[in-house]
Protein backbone atom coordinates (compact mmCIF):
# COMPACT_ATOMS: atom_id res chain seq x y z
CA UNK A 1 -26.18 9.31 15.27
CA UNK A 2 -22.46 9.22 13.28
CA UNK A 3 -21.11 12.78 13.29
CA UNK A 4 -18.06 11.55 11.71
CA UNK A 5 -17.52 12.81 7.72
CA UNK A 6 -17.51 10.53 5.07
CA UNK A 7 -16.26 11.30 1.41
CA UNK A 8 -18.62 9.74 -1.35
CA UNK A 9 -19.84 6.59 -0.34
CA UNK A 10 -16.25 6.01 1.42
CA UNK A 11 -15.81 5.88 5.59
CA UNK A 12 -14.60 8.89 7.02
CA UNK A 13 -10.49 8.13 7.85
CA UNK A 14 -10.36 6.16 11.04
CA UNK A 15 -12.67 4.15 10.42
CA UNK A 16 -13.32 0.41 9.27
CA UNK A 17 -11.39 -0.34 6.12
CA UNK A 18 -12.24 -2.96 3.72
CA UNK A 19 -9.59 -5.70 3.03
CA UNK A 20 -8.74 -7.76 0.82
CA UNK A 21 -6.83 -11.05 0.59
CA UNK A 22 -3.82 -11.05 -1.04
CA UNK A 23 -0.64 -13.79 -1.32
CA UNK A 24 3.01 -11.95 -0.18
CA UNK A 25 5.17 -11.60 -3.54
CA UNK A 26 8.10 -12.44 -1.31
CA UNK A 27 7.08 -14.87 0.93
CA UNK A 28 3.69 -16.72 -0.44
CA UNK A 29 2.11 -16.00 3.01
CA UNK A 30 -1.59 -15.11 2.63
CA UNK A 31 -2.01 -11.28 4.18
CA UNK A 32 -4.72 -9.00 4.05
CA UNK A 33 -4.30 -5.27 3.02
CA UNK A 34 -6.27 -2.33 2.43
CA UNK A 35 -6.28 -1.64 -0.95
CA UNK A 36 -7.74 -3.77 -3.93
CA UNK A 37 -4.04 -5.98 -5.52
CA UNK A 38 -3.68 -4.69 -9.08
CA UNK A 39 -1.85 -7.77 -11.21
CA UNK A 40 1.34 -7.25 -11.75
CA UNK A 41 2.56 -4.87 -9.17
CA UNK A 42 3.81 -6.62 -5.52
CA UNK A 43 2.32 -6.96 -2.71
CA UNK A 44 3.75 -7.47 0.20
CA UNK A 45 2.81 -8.77 4.10
CA UNK A 46 3.75 -6.86 6.99
CA UNK A 47 7.42 -8.44 7.49
CA UNK A 48 7.98 -8.62 3.53
CA UNK A 49 6.89 -4.60 3.17
CA UNK A 50 9.27 -3.04 5.92
CA UNK A 51 11.98 -4.59 4.23
CA UNK A 52 11.13 -2.89 0.55
CA UNK A 53 9.10 0.35 2.15
CA UNK A 54 13.13 1.99 1.43
CA UNK A 55 13.15 0.24 -2.03
CA UNK A 56 10.55 2.61 -3.76
CA UNK A 57 11.31 5.62 -5.21
CA UNK A 58 10.23 8.99 -3.24
CA UNK A 59 7.13 11.01 -4.13
CA UNK A 60 7.63 14.76 -5.23
CA UNK A 61 6.67 16.98 -2.39
CA UNK A 62 4.40 19.46 -3.72
CA UNK A 63 3.88 21.38 -0.43
CA UNK A 64 4.74 24.97 -0.11
CA UNK A 65 7.68 26.01 -2.84
CA UNK A 66 5.00 28.09 -4.90
CA UNK A 67 4.03 24.80 -6.51
CA UNK A 68 6.96 25.16 -9.69
CA UNK A 69 8.88 21.63 -7.48
CA UNK A 70 12.66 21.27 -7.16
CA UNK A 71 14.91 23.57 -8.79
CA UNK A 72 16.24 21.49 -12.24
CA UNK A 73 19.96 21.98 -12.16
CA UNK A 74 19.96 20.83 -16.06
CA UNK A 75 18.87 24.59 -16.42
CA UNK A 76 21.01 25.44 -18.65
CA UNK A 77 19.76 29.20 -18.37
CA UNK A 78 21.03 29.20 -14.73
CA UNK A 79 23.60 27.50 -15.06
CA UNK A 80 25.97 30.36 -15.61
CA UNK A 81 27.70 29.47 -19.02
CA UNK A 82 27.30 31.43 -21.80
CA UNK A 83 26.33 29.78 -25.41
């Protein structure tokens, strides 16, 4: 009996992943990725991904902090300037 939890019809984390064939946007090598490629978005092989992974914009960190996100320094109410 398999005691791993699943989410809907997807396997749980750590289980086998469905791999999709793709062509690397940089070097043109055929590769496999664990997601379905979307037309118009680049897909990279392992080597090229390592070169590009720091190029992506960082996602905001929503953990902790009361859910308000980082303070916005452009907010004039906190700038200390009189209007």
